[in-house]
Structure formats: C-alpha cells, structure tokens
Amino acid sequence: FFDSRNNRSLEKLNAILGCNSIDYSGRAECCGFHTAAGNETVA
C-alpha cells in the first residue's frame, strides 16, 4: 500500500453485496485489543 489508511477493499465488497458503505473517522484505526489485556480503559 502507498497509504494503508486508504484501503477500500471492504467498501468494494459492500458494493458487490449491495450494501451502502458508510465513511467515518475510525475505519482504519486501531481497535486497542493489544492494550486491553493490561488496560481495558484505553480500548
């Protein structure tokens, strides 16, 4: 990837399946899983 935050594969899949894709600020951000074991508050 040139820009890993601009992946559109799931949006392309949505179009094939008939869904409307919703854009929002967290779509390519971290879920916090790897911090949750030590501190769930962060996630």
PDB file of all heavy atoms in Angstrom:
ATOM      1  N   PHE A   1       0.834  -1.194   0.000  1.00  0.00           N
ATOM      2  CA  PHE A   1       0.000   0.000   0.000  1.00  0.00           C
ATOM      3  C   PHE A   1       0.872   1.248   0.000  1.00  0.00           C
ATOM      4  O   PHE A   1       1.887   1.319   0.689  1.00  0.00           O
ATOM      5  CB  PHE A   1      -0.893   0.055   1.243  1.00  0.00           C
ATOM      6  CG  PHE A   1      -1.886  -1.059   1.345  1.00  0.00           C
ATOM      7  CD1 PHE A   1      -2.098  -1.692   2.554  1.00  0.00           C
ATOM      8  CD2 PHE A   1      -2.605  -1.478   0.243  1.00  0.00           C
ATOM      9  CE1 PHE A   1      -3.019  -2.721   2.675  1.00  0.00           C
ATOM     10  CE2 PHE A   1      -3.515  -2.500   0.344  1.00  0.00           C
ATOM     11  CZ  PHE A   1      -3.726  -3.124   1.555  1.00  0.00           C
ATOM     12  N   PHE A   2       0.413   2.246  -0.734  1.00  0.00           N
ATOM     13  CA  PHE A   2       1.045   3.561  -0.642  1.00  0.00           C
ATOM     14  C   PHE A   2       0.544   4.260   0.616  1.00  0.00           C
ATOM     15  O   PHE A   2       1.284   4.889   1.345  1.00  0.00           O
ATOM     16  CB  PHE A   2       0.735   4.406  -1.882  1.00  0.00           C
ATOM     17  CG  PHE A   2       1.243   5.819  -1.781  1.00  0.00           C
ATOM     18  CD1 PHE A   2       2.602   6.078  -1.874  1.00  0.00           C
ATOM     19  CD2 PHE A   2       0.377   6.879  -1.581  1.00  0.00           C
ATOM     20  CE1 PHE A   2       3.082   7.376  -1.770  1.00  0.00           C
ATOM     21  CE2 PHE A   2       0.850   8.177  -1.483  1.00  0.00           C
ATOM     22  CZ  PHE A   2       2.209   8.419  -1.577  1.00  0.00           C
ATOM     23  N   ASP A   3      -0.762   4.134   0.858  1.00  0.00           N
ATOM     24  CA  ASP A   3      -1.385   4.734   2.032  1.00  0.00           C
ATOM     25  C   ASP A   3      -2.265   3.681   2.688  1.00  0.00           C
ATOM     26  O   ASP A   3      -3.356   3.392   2.218  1.00  0.00           O
ATOM     27  CB  ASP A   3      -2.224   5.955   1.622  1.00  0.00           C
ATOM     28  CG  ASP A   3      -2.926   6.608   2.801  1.00  0.00           C
ATOM     29  OD1 ASP A   3      -2.733   6.141   3.937  1.00  0.00           O
ATOM     30  OD2 ASP A   3      -3.671   7.578   2.597  1.00  0.00           O
ATOM     31  N   SER A   4      -1.793   3.094   3.788  1.00  0.00           N
ATOM     32  CA  SER A   4      -2.512   1.986   4.400  1.00  0.00           C
ATOM     33  C   SER A   4      -3.856   2.397   4.980  1.00  0.00           C
ATOM     34  O   SER A   4      -4.713   1.562   5.236  1.00  0.00           O
ATOM     35  CB  SER A   4      -1.659   1.348   5.501  1.00  0.00           C
ATOM     36  OG  SER A   4      -1.403   2.278   6.537  1.00  0.00           O
ATOM     37  N   ARG A   5      -4.059   3.697   5.197  1.00  0.00           N
ATOM     38  CA  ARG A   5      -5.340   4.154   5.727  1.00  0.00           C
ATOM     39  C   ARG A   5      -6.359   4.414   4.618  1.00  0.00           C
ATOM     40  O   ARG A   5      -7.474   4.862   4.884  1.00  0.00           O
ATOM     41  CB  ARG A   5      -5.148   5.410   6.579  1.00  0.00           C
ATOM     42  CG  ARG A   5      -4.546   5.109   7.943  1.00  0.00           C
ATOM     43  CD  ARG A   5      -4.390   6.377   8.779  1.00  0.00           C
ATOM     44  NE  ARG A   5      -4.140   6.072  10.170  1.00  0.00           N
ATOM     45  CZ  ARG A   5      -2.957   5.726  10.671  1.00  0.00           C
ATOM     46  NH1 ARG A   5      -1.921   5.622   9.873  1.00  0.00           N
ATOM     47  NH2 ARG A   5      -2.813   5.470  11.950  1.00  0.00           N
ATOM     48  N   ASN A   6      -5.991   4.140   3.383  1.00  0.00           N
ATOM     49  CA  ASN A   6      -6.908   4.387   2.269  1.00  0.00           C
ATOM     50  C   ASN A   6      -7.318   3.091   1.583  1.00  0.00           C
ATOM     51  O   ASN A   6      -7.659   3.078   0.403  1.00  0.00           O
ATOM     52  CB  ASN A   6      -6.268   5.339   1.252  1.00  0.00           C
ATOM     53  CG  ASN A   6      -7.315   5.962   0.343  1.00  0.00           C
ATOM     54  OD1 ASN A   6      -8.455   6.208   0.751  1.00  0.00           O
ATOM     55  ND2 ASN A   6      -6.939   6.218  -0.897  1.00  0.00           N
ATOM     56  N   ASN A   7      -7.275   1.993   2.315  1.00  0.00           N
ATOM     57  CA  ASN A   7      -7.737   0.707   1.781  1.00  0.00           C
ATOM     58  C   ASN A   7      -9.237   0.780   1.514  1.00  0.00           C
ATOM     59  O   ASN A   7     -10.004   1.251   2.352  1.00  0.00           O
ATOM     60  CB  ASN A   7      -7.440  -0.398   2.803  1.00  0.00           C
ATOM     61  CG  ASN A   7      -7.615  -1.792   2.226  1.00  0.00           C
ATOM     62  OD1 ASN A   7      -8.538  -2.047   1.472  1.00  0.00           O
ATOM     63  ND2 ASN A   7      -6.735  -2.694   2.597  1.00  0.00           N
ATOM     64  N   ARG A   8      -9.677   0.292   0.362  1.00  0.00           N
ATOM     65  CA  ARG A   8     -11.110   0.362   0.020  1.00  0.00           C
ATOM     66  C   ARG A   8     -11.680  -1.012  -0.303  1.00  0.00           C
ATOM     67  O   ARG A   8     -12.777  -1.116  -0.859  1.00  0.00           O
ATOM     68  CB  ARG A   8     -11.318   1.278  -1.206  1.00  0.00           C
ATOM     69  CG  ARG A   8     -10.742   2.669  -1.099  1.00  0.00           C
ATOM     70  CD  ARG A   8     -11.326   3.470   0.025  1.00  0.00           C
ATOM     71  NE  ARG A   8     -12.758   3.706  -0.113  1.00  0.00           N
ATOM     72  CZ  ARG A   8     -13.466   4.417   0.762  1.00  0.00           C
ATOM     73  NH1 ARG A   8     -12.888   4.934   1.827  1.00  0.00           N
ATOM     74  NH2 ARG A   8     -14.765   4.579   0.576  1.00  0.00           N
ATOM     75  N   SER A   9     -10.985  -2.095   0.063  1.00  0.00           N
ATOM     76  CA  SER A   9     -11.444  -3.432  -0.336  1.00  0.00           C
ATOM     77  C   SER A   9     -12.783  -3.798   0.300  1.00  0.00           C
ATOM     78  O   SER A   9     -13.640  -4.407  -0.358  1.00  0.00           O
ATOM     79  CB  SER A   9     -10.388  -4.487  -0.007  1.00  0.00           C
ATOM     80  OG  SER A   9      -9.995  -4.417   1.347  1.00  0.00           O
ATOM     81  N   LEU A  10     -13.000  -3.465   1.572  1.00  0.00           N
ATOM     82  CA  LEU A  10     -14.280  -3.773   2.196  1.00  0.00           C
ATOM     83  C   LEU A  10     -15.411  -2.944   1.584  1.00  0.00           C
ATOM     84  O   LEU A  10     -16.537  -3.427   1.443  1.00  0.00           O
ATOM     85  CB  LEU A  10     -14.209  -3.549   3.707  1.00  0.00           C
ATOM     86  CG  LEU A  10     -13.411  -4.589   4.497  1.00  0.00           C
ATOM     87  CD1 LEU A  10     -13.238  -4.159   5.946  1.00  0.00           C
ATOM     88  CD2 LEU A  10     -14.064  -5.963   4.423  1.00  0.00           C
ATOM     89  N   GLU A  11     -15.105  -1.726   1.213  1.00  0.00           N
ATOM     90  CA  GLU A  11     -16.119  -0.900   0.545  1.00  0.00           C
ATOM     91  C   GLU A  11     -16.462  -1.461  -0.833  1.00  0.00           C
ATOM     92  O   GLU A  11     -17.630  -1.451  -1.243  1.00  0.00           O
ATOM     93  CB  GLU A  11     -15.627   0.554   0.434  1.00  0.00           C
ATOM     94  CG  GLU A  11     -15.682   1.342   1.718  1.00  0.00           C
ATOM     95  CD  GLU A  11     -14.512   1.093   2.669  1.00  0.00           C
ATOM     96  OE1 GLU A  11     -13.612   0.306   2.307  1.00  0.00           O
ATOM     97  OE2 GLU A  11     -14.489   1.683   3.756  1.00  0.00           O
ATOM     98  N   LYS A  12     -15.458  -1.981  -1.537  1.00  0.00           N
ATOM     99  CA  LYS A  12     -15.727  -2.635  -2.830  1.00  0.00           C
ATOM    100  C   LYS A  12     -16.592  -3.874  -2.633  1.00  0.00           C
ATOM    101  O   LYS A  12     -17.501  -4.145  -3.421  1.00  0.00           O
ATOM    102  CB  LYS A  12     -14.403  -3.027  -3.506  1.00  0.00           C
ATOM    103  CG  LYS A  12     -13.619  -1.862  -4.090  1.00  0.00           C
ATOM    104  CD  LYS A  12     -12.258  -2.310  -4.590  1.00  0.00           C
ATOM    105  CE  LYS A  12     -12.367  -3.304  -5.733  1.00  0.00           C
ATOM    106  NZ  LYS A  12     -11.040  -3.691  -6.253  1.00  0.00           N
ATOM    107  N   LEU A  13     -16.315  -4.605  -1.562  1.00  0.00           N
ATOM    108  CA  LEU A  13     -17.113  -5.787  -1.266  1.00  0.00           C
ATOM    109  C   LEU A  13     -18.551  -5.393  -0.938  1.00  0.00           C
ATOM    110  O   LEU A  13     -19.503  -6.037  -1.392  1.00  0.00           O
ATOM    111  CB  LEU A  13     -16.501  -6.558  -0.099  1.00  0.00           C
ATOM    112  CG  LEU A  13     -17.233  -7.833   0.321  1.00  0.00           C
ATOM    113  CD1 LEU A  13     -17.208  -8.864  -0.803  1.00  0.00           C
ATOM    114  CD2 LEU A  13     -16.629  -8.408   1.590  1.00  0.00           C
ATOM    115  N   ASN A  14     -18.726  -4.342  -0.153  1.00  0.00           N
ATOM    116  CA  ASN A  14     -20.070  -3.854   0.150  1.00  0.00           C
ATOM    117  C   ASN A  14     -20.861  -3.596  -1.122  1.00  0.00           C
ATOM    118  O   ASN A  14     -22.043  -3.944  -1.225  1.00  0.00           O
ATOM    119  CB  ASN A  14     -19.994  -2.572   0.978  1.00  0.00           C
ATOM    120  CG  ASN A  14     -19.735  -2.809   2.454  1.00  0.00           C
ATOM    121  OD1 ASN A  14     -19.880  -3.930   2.930  1.00  0.00           O
ATOM    122  ND2 ASN A  14     -19.359  -1.769   3.168  1.00  0.00           N
ATOM    123  N   ALA A  15     -20.219  -2.968  -2.094  1.00  0.00           N
ATOM    124  CA  ALA A  15     -20.905  -2.646  -3.349  1.00  0.00           C
ATOM    125  C   ALA A  15     -21.339  -3.917  -4.076  1.00  0.00           C
ATOM    126  O   ALA A  15     -22.434  -3.976  -4.644  1.00  0.00           O
ATOM    127  CB  ALA A  15     -19.988  -1.810  -4.241  1.00  0.00           C
ATOM    128  N   ILE A  16     -20.496  -4.951  -4.064  1.00  0.00           N
ATOM    129  CA  ILE A  16     -20.840  -6.223  -4.702  1.00  0.00           C
ATOM    130  C   ILE A  16     -22.038  -6.867  -4.012  1.00  0.00           C
ATOM    131  O   ILE A  16     -22.933  -7.418  -4.658  1.00  0.00           O
ATOM    132  CB  ILE A  16     -19.629  -7.178  -4.675  1.00  0.00           C
ATOM    133  CG1 ILE A  16     -18.502  -6.638  -5.562  1.00  0.00           C
ATOM    134  CG2 ILE A  16     -20.028  -8.586  -5.121  1.00  0.00           C
ATOM    135  CD1 ILE A  16     -17.185  -7.378  -5.395  1.00  0.00           C
ATOM    136  N   LEU A  17     -22.070  -6.772  -2.690  1.00  0.00           N
ATOM    137  CA  LEU A  17     -23.129  -7.417  -1.906  1.00  0.00           C
ATOM    138  C   LEU A  17     -24.396  -6.581  -1.835  1.00  0.00           C
ATOM    139  O   LEU A  17     -25.435  -7.067  -1.385  1.00  0.00           O
ATOM    140  CB  LEU A  17     -22.625  -7.714  -0.488  1.00  0.00           C
ATOM    141  CG  LEU A  17     -21.338  -8.548  -0.373  1.00  0.00           C
ATOM    142  CD1 LEU A  17     -20.994  -8.786   1.091  1.00  0.00           C
ATOM    143  CD2 LEU A  17     -21.461  -9.867  -1.130  1.00  0.00           C
ATOM    144  N   GLY A  18     -24.316  -5.317  -2.264  1.00  0.00           N
ATOM    145  CA  GLY A  18     -25.490  -4.453  -2.275  1.00  0.00           C
ATOM    146  C   GLY A  18     -25.571  -3.477  -1.129  1.00  0.00           C
ATOM    147  O   GLY A  18     -26.524  -2.685  -1.038  1.00  0.00           O
ATOM    148  N   CYS A  19     -24.608  -3.506  -0.196  1.00  0.00           N
ATOM    149  CA  CYS A  19     -24.632  -2.603   0.959  1.00  0.00           C
ATOM    150  C   CYS A  19     -24.217  -1.187   0.572  1.00  0.00           C
ATOM    151  O   CYS A  19     -23.495  -0.983  -0.407  1.00  0.00           O
ATOM    152  CB  CYS A  19     -23.655  -3.081   2.037  1.00  0.00           C
ATOM    153  SG  CYS A  19     -23.810  -4.790   2.525  1.00  0.00           S
ATOM    154  N   ASN A  20     -24.653  -0.241   1.367  1.00  0.00           N
ATOM    155  CA  ASN A  20     -24.144   1.127   1.285  1.00  0.00           C
ATOM    156  C   ASN A  20     -22.960   1.242   2.237  1.00  0.00           C
ATOM    157  O   ASN A  20     -23.055   0.829   3.399  1.00  0.00           O
ATOM    158  CB  ASN A  20     -25.213   2.138   1.695  1.00  0.00           C
ATOM    159  CG  ASN A  20     -26.442   2.073   0.819  1.00  0.00           C
ATOM    160  OD1 ASN A  20     -26.339   1.942  -0.386  1.00  0.00           O
ATOM    161  ND2 ASN A  20     -27.615   2.154   1.437  1.00  0.00           N
ATOM    162  N   SER A  21     -21.844   1.784   1.768  1.00  0.00           N
ATOM    163  CA  SER A  21     -20.671   1.951   2.628  1.00  0.00           C
ATOM    164  C   SER A  21     -20.727   3.288   3.347  1.00  0.00           C
ATOM    165  O   SER A  21     -20.947   4.325   2.724  1.00  0.00           O
ATOM    166  CB  SER A  21     -19.383   1.866   1.800  1.00  0.00           C
ATOM    167  OG  SER A  21     -19.145   0.547   1.358  1.00  0.00           O
ATOM    168  N   ILE A  22     -20.527   3.250   4.655  1.00  0.00           N
ATOM    169  CA  ILE A  22     -20.529   4.455   5.481  1.00  0.00           C
ATOM    170  C   ILE A  22     -19.090   4.823   5.820  1.00  0.00           C
ATOM    171  O   ILE A  22     -18.346   3.999   6.367  1.00  0.00           O
ATOM    172  CB  ILE A  22     -21.335   4.233   6.776  1.00  0.00           C
ATOM    173  CG1 ILE A  22     -22.776   3.866   6.454  1.00  0.00           C
ATOM    174  CG2 ILE A  22     -21.264   5.469   7.668  1.00  0.00           C
ATOM    175  CD1 ILE A  22     -23.553   4.909   5.679  1.00  0.00           C
ATOM    176  N   ASP A  23     -18.704   6.040   5.504  1.00  0.00           N
ATOM    177  CA  ASP A  23     -17.367   6.509   5.839  1.00  0.00           C
ATOM    178  C   ASP A  23     -17.400   7.151   7.224  1.00  0.00           C
ATOM    179  O   ASP A  23     -18.379   7.792   7.593  1.00  0.00           O
ATOM    180  CB  ASP A  23     -16.886   7.519   4.799  1.00  0.00           C
ATOM    181  CG  ASP A  23     -15.380   7.717   4.846  1.00  0.00           C
ATOM    182  OD1 ASP A  23     -14.696   6.934   5.554  1.00  0.00           O
ATOM    183  OD2 ASP A  23     -14.884   8.654   4.204  1.00  0.00           O
ATOM    184  N   TYR A  24     -16.346   6.955   7.980  1.00  0.00           N
ATOM    185  CA  TYR A  24     -16.250   7.566   9.306  1.00  0.00           C
ATOM    186  C   TYR A  24     -14.794   7.603   9.716  1.00  0.00           C
ATOM    187  O   TYR A  24     -13.942   6.959   9.087  1.00  0.00           O
ATOM    188  CB  TYR A  24     -17.106   6.798  10.322  1.00  0.00           C
ATOM    189  CG  TYR A  24     -16.607   5.405  10.631  1.00  0.00           C
ATOM    190  CD1 TYR A  24     -15.932   5.134  11.811  1.00  0.00           C
ATOM    191  CD2 TYR A  24     -16.791   4.355   9.731  1.00  0.00           C
ATOM    192  CE1 TYR A  24     -15.462   3.862  12.093  1.00  0.00           C
ATOM    193  CE2 TYR A  24     -16.325   3.080  10.008  1.00  0.00           C
ATOM    194  CZ  TYR A  24     -15.659   2.842  11.184  1.00  0.00           C
ATOM    195  OH  TYR A  24     -15.180   1.588  11.459  1.00  0.00           O
ATOM    196  N   SER A  25     -14.477   8.318  10.777  1.00  0.00           N
ATOM    197  CA  SER A  25     -13.084   8.627  11.089  1.00  0.00           C
ATOM    198  C   SER A  25     -12.271   7.428  11.569  1.00  0.00           C
ATOM    199  O   SER A  25     -11.048   7.433  11.452  1.00  0.00           O
ATOM    200  CB  SER A  25     -13.014   9.728  12.152  1.00  0.00           C
ATOM    201  OG  SER A  25     -13.632   9.308  13.354  1.00  0.00           O
ATOM    202  N   GLY A  26     -12.908   6.380  12.122  1.00  0.00           N
ATOM    203  CA  GLY A  26     -12.136   5.299  12.714  1.00  0.00           C
ATOM    204  C   GLY A  26     -11.972   4.063  11.868  1.00  0.00           C
ATOM    205  O   GLY A  26     -11.471   3.043  12.361  1.00  0.00           O
ATOM    206  N   ARG A  27     -12.356   4.104  10.607  1.00  0.00           N
ATOM    207  CA  ARG A  27     -12.441   2.895   9.789  1.00  0.00           C
ATOM    208  C   ARG A  27     -11.103   2.155   9.629  1.00  0.00           C
ATOM    209  O   ARG A  27     -11.090   0.937   9.447  1.00  0.00           O
ATOM    210  CB  ARG A  27     -13.022   3.216   8.405  1.00  0.00           C
ATOM    211  CG  ARG A  27     -12.259   4.274   7.645  1.00  0.00           C
ATOM    212  CD  ARG A  27     -12.910   4.629   6.315  1.00  0.00           C
ATOM    213  NE  ARG A  27     -12.721   3.586   5.345  1.00  0.00           N
ATOM    214  CZ  ARG A  27     -11.586   3.408   4.670  1.00  0.00           C
ATOM    215  NH1 ARG A  27     -10.539   4.194   4.896  1.00  0.00           N
ATOM    216  NH2 ARG A  27     -11.498   2.448   3.785  1.00  0.00           N
ATOM    217  N   ALA A  28     -10.004   2.859   9.682  1.00  0.00           N
ATOM    218  CA  ALA A  28      -8.693   2.216   9.502  1.00  0.00           C
ATOM    219  C   ALA A  28      -7.793   2.417  10.718  1.00  0.00           C
ATOM    220  O   ALA A  28      -6.579   2.342  10.609  1.00  0.00           O
ATOM    221  CB  ALA A  28      -8.009   2.755   8.248  1.00  0.00           C
ATOM    222  N   GLU A  29      -8.409   2.642  11.870  1.00  0.00           N
ATOM    223  CA  GLU A  29      -7.632   2.870  13.077  1.00  0.00           C
ATOM    224  C   GLU A  29      -7.530   1.599  13.926  1.00  0.00           C
ATOM    225  O   GLU A  29      -8.090   0.562  13.591  1.00  0.00           O
ATOM    226  CB  GLU A  29      -8.259   4.016  13.888  1.00  0.00           C
ATOM    227  CG  GLU A  29      -8.334   5.337  13.129  1.00  0.00           C
ATOM    228  CD  GLU A  29      -6.976   5.817  12.639  1.00  0.00           C
ATOM    229  OE1 GLU A  29      -5.964   5.573  13.339  1.00  0.00           O
ATOM    230  OE2 GLU A  29      -6.914   6.421  11.562  1.00  0.00           O
ATOM    231  N   CYS A  30      -6.819   1.702  15.046  1.00  0.00           N
ATOM    232  CA  CYS A  30      -6.567   0.561  15.924  1.00  0.00           C
ATOM    233  C   CYS A  30      -7.789   0.267  16.786  1.00  0.00           C
ATOM    234  O   CYS A  30      -8.509   1.178  17.196  1.00  0.00           O
ATOM    235  CB  CYS A  30      -5.365   0.884  16.804  1.00  0.00           C
ATOM    236  SG  CYS A  30      -4.942  -0.408  17.989  1.00  0.00           S
ATOM    237  N   CYS A  31      -8.010  -1.017  17.085  1.00  0.00           N
ATOM    238  CA  CYS A  31      -9.109  -1.409  17.974  1.00  0.00           C
ATOM    239  C   CYS A  31      -8.676  -1.436  19.435  1.00  0.00           C
ATOM    240  O   CYS A  31      -9.520  -1.541  20.327  1.00  0.00           O
ATOM    241  CB  CYS A  31      -9.659  -2.782  17.584  1.00  0.00           C
ATOM    242  SG  CYS A  31      -8.573  -4.169  18.063  1.00  0.00           S
ATOM    243  N   GLY A  32      -7.393  -1.379  19.693  1.00  0.00           N
ATOM    244  CA  GLY A  32      -6.904  -1.379  21.067  1.00  0.00           C
ATOM    245  C   GLY A  32      -6.814  -2.748  21.718  1.00  0.00           C
ATOM    246  O   GLY A  32      -6.541  -2.839  22.915  1.00  0.00           O
ATOM    247  N   PHE A  33      -7.015  -3.821  20.953  1.00  0.00           N
ATOM    248  CA  PHE A  33      -7.025  -5.167  21.545  1.00  0.00           C
ATOM    249  C   PHE A  33      -5.752  -5.459  22.326  1.00  0.00           C
ATOM    250  O   PHE A  33      -5.796  -6.021  23.426  1.00  0.00           O
ATOM    251  CB  PHE A  33      -7.221  -6.229  20.455  1.00  0.00           C
ATOM    252  CG  PHE A  33      -7.200  -7.638  20.981  1.00  0.00           C
ATOM    253  CD1 PHE A  33      -8.369  -8.245  21.419  1.00  0.00           C
ATOM    254  CD2 PHE A  33      -6.016  -8.372  21.049  1.00  0.00           C
ATOM    255  CE1 PHE A  33      -8.355  -9.550  21.921  1.00  0.00           C
ATOM    256  CE2 PHE A  33      -6.001  -9.663  21.544  1.00  0.00           C
ATOM    257  CZ  PHE A  33      -7.170 -10.252  21.979  1.00  0.00           C
ATOM    258  N   HIS A  34      -4.618  -5.102  21.765  1.00  0.00           N
ATOM    259  CA  HIS A  34      -3.350  -5.487  22.382  1.00  0.00           C
ATOM    260  C   HIS A  34      -3.017  -4.649  23.604  1.00  0.00           C
ATOM    261  O   HIS A  34      -2.039  -4.935  24.301  1.00  0.00           O
ATOM    262  CB  HIS A  34      -2.229  -5.435  21.347  1.00  0.00           C
ATOM    263  CG  HIS A  34      -2.392  -6.459  20.262  1.00  0.00           C
ATOM    264  ND1 HIS A  34      -2.051  -7.772  20.433  1.00  0.00           N
ATOM    265  CD2 HIS A  34      -2.917  -6.369  19.015  1.00  0.00           C
ATOM    266  CE1 HIS A  34      -2.329  -8.459  19.335  1.00  0.00           C
ATOM    267  NE2 HIS A  34      -2.855  -7.628  18.472  1.00  0.00           N
ATOM    268  N   THR A  35      -3.807  -3.632  23.871  1.00  0.00           N
ATOM    269  CA  THR A  35      -3.657  -2.886  25.127  1.00  0.00           C
ATOM    270  C   THR A  35      -4.666  -3.358  26.164  1.00  0.00           C
ATOM    271  O   THR A  35      -4.493  -3.116  27.362  1.00  0.00           O
ATOM    272  CB  THR A  35      -3.865  -1.375  24.908  1.00  0.00           C
ATOM    273  OG1 THR A  35      -5.244  -1.117  24.620  1.00  0.00           O
ATOM    274  CG2 THR A  35      -3.001  -0.859  23.780  1.00  0.00           C
ATOM    275  N   ALA A  36      -5.734  -4.036  25.710  1.00  0.00           N
ATOM    276  CA  ALA A  36      -6.853  -4.360  26.593  1.00  0.00           C
ATOM    277  C   ALA A  36      -6.457  -5.316  27.716  1.00  0.00           C
ATOM    278  O   ALA A  36      -7.003  -5.238  28.823  1.00  0.00           O
ATOM    279  CB  ALA A  36      -8.011  -4.945  25.792  1.00  0.00           C
ATOM    280  N   ALA A  37      -5.517  -6.217  27.461  1.00  0.00           N
ATOM    281  CA  ALA A  37      -5.103  -7.165  28.496  1.00  0.00           C
ATOM    282  C   ALA A  37      -4.506  -6.441  29.690  1.00  0.00           C
ATOM    283  O   ALA A  37      -4.681  -6.856  30.838  1.00  0.00           O
ATOM    284  CB  ALA A  37      -4.096  -8.160  27.926  1.00  0.00           C
ATOM    285  N   GLY A  38      -3.820  -5.328  29.421  1.00  0.00           N
ATOM    286  CA  GLY A  38      -3.220  -4.568  30.501  1.00  0.00           C
ATOM    287  C   GLY A  38      -4.092  -3.438  31.011  1.00  0.00           C
ATOM    288  O   GLY A  38      -4.053  -3.103  32.190  1.00  0.00           O
ATOM    289  N   ASN A  39      -4.888  -2.865  30.101  1.00  0.00           N
ATOM    290  CA  ASN A  39      -5.714  -1.719  30.485  1.00  0.00           C
ATOM    291  C   ASN A  39      -6.885  -1.586  29.510  1.00  0.00           C
ATOM    292  O   ASN A  39      -6.742  -0.990  28.446  1.00  0.00           O
ATOM    293  CB  ASN A  39      -4.873  -0.444  30.499  1.00  0.00           C
ATOM    294  CG  ASN A  39      -5.637   0.743  31.057  1.00  0.00           C
ATOM    295  OD1 ASN A  39      -6.834   0.670  31.298  1.00  0.00           O
ATOM    296  ND2 ASN A  39      -4.937   1.855  31.263  1.00  0.00           N
ATOM    297  N   GLU A  40      -8.030  -2.134  29.880  1.00  0.00           N
ATOM    298  CA  GLU A  40      -9.209  -2.076  29.010  1.00  0.00           C
ATOM    299  C   GLU A  40      -9.672  -0.651  28.758  1.00  0.00           C
ATOM    300  O   GLU A  40     -10.306  -0.373  27.742  1.00  0.00           O
ATOM    301  CB  GLU A  40     -10.356  -2.887  29.611  1.00  0.00           C
ATOM    302  CG  GLU A  40     -10.213  -4.388  29.477  1.00  0.00           C
ATOM    303  CD  GLU A  40     -11.453  -5.136  29.926  1.00  0.00           C
ATOM    304  OE1 GLU A  40     -12.396  -4.475  30.424  1.00  0.00           O
ATOM    305  OE2 GLU A  40     -11.494  -6.373  29.764  1.00  0.00           O
ATOM    306  N   THR A  41      -9.350   0.243  29.671  1.00  0.00           N
ATOM    307  CA  THR A  41      -9.819   1.622  29.546  1.00  0.00           C
ATOM    308  C   THR A  41      -9.358   2.259  28.243  1.00  0.00           C
ATOM    309  O   THR A  41     -10.096   3.014  27.604  1.00  0.00           O
ATOM    310  CB  THR A  41      -9.325   2.461  30.739  1.00  0.00           C
ATOM    311  OG1 THR A  41      -9.785   1.863  31.947  1.00  0.00           O
ATOM    312  CG2 THR A  41      -9.846   3.897  30.657  1.00  0.00           C
ATOM    313  N   VAL A  42      -8.131   1.947  27.836  1.00  0.00           N
ATOM    314  CA  VAL A  42      -7.597   2.517  26.596  1.00  0.00           C
ATOM    315  C   VAL A  42      -8.457   2.097  25.407  1.00  0.00           C
ATOM    316  O   VAL A  42      -8.863   2.919  24.584  1.00  0.00           O
ATOM    317  CB  VAL A  42      -6.131   2.092  26.381  1.00  0.00           C
ATOM    318  CG1 VAL A  42      -5.626   2.582  25.024  1.00  0.00           C
ATOM    319  CG2 VAL A  42      -5.251   2.623  27.495  1.00  0.00           C
ATOM    320  N   ALA A  43      -8.744   0.785  25.313  1.00  0.00           N
ATOM    321  CA  ALA A  43      -9.553   0.273  24.206  1.00  0.00           C
ATOM    322  C   ALA A  43     -10.970   0.835  24.259  1.00  0.00           C
ATOM    323  O   ALA A  43     -11.550   1.196  23.226  1.00  0.00           O
ATOM    324  CB  ALA A  43      -9.586  -1.253  24.237  1.00  0.00           C
TER     325      ALA A  43
END
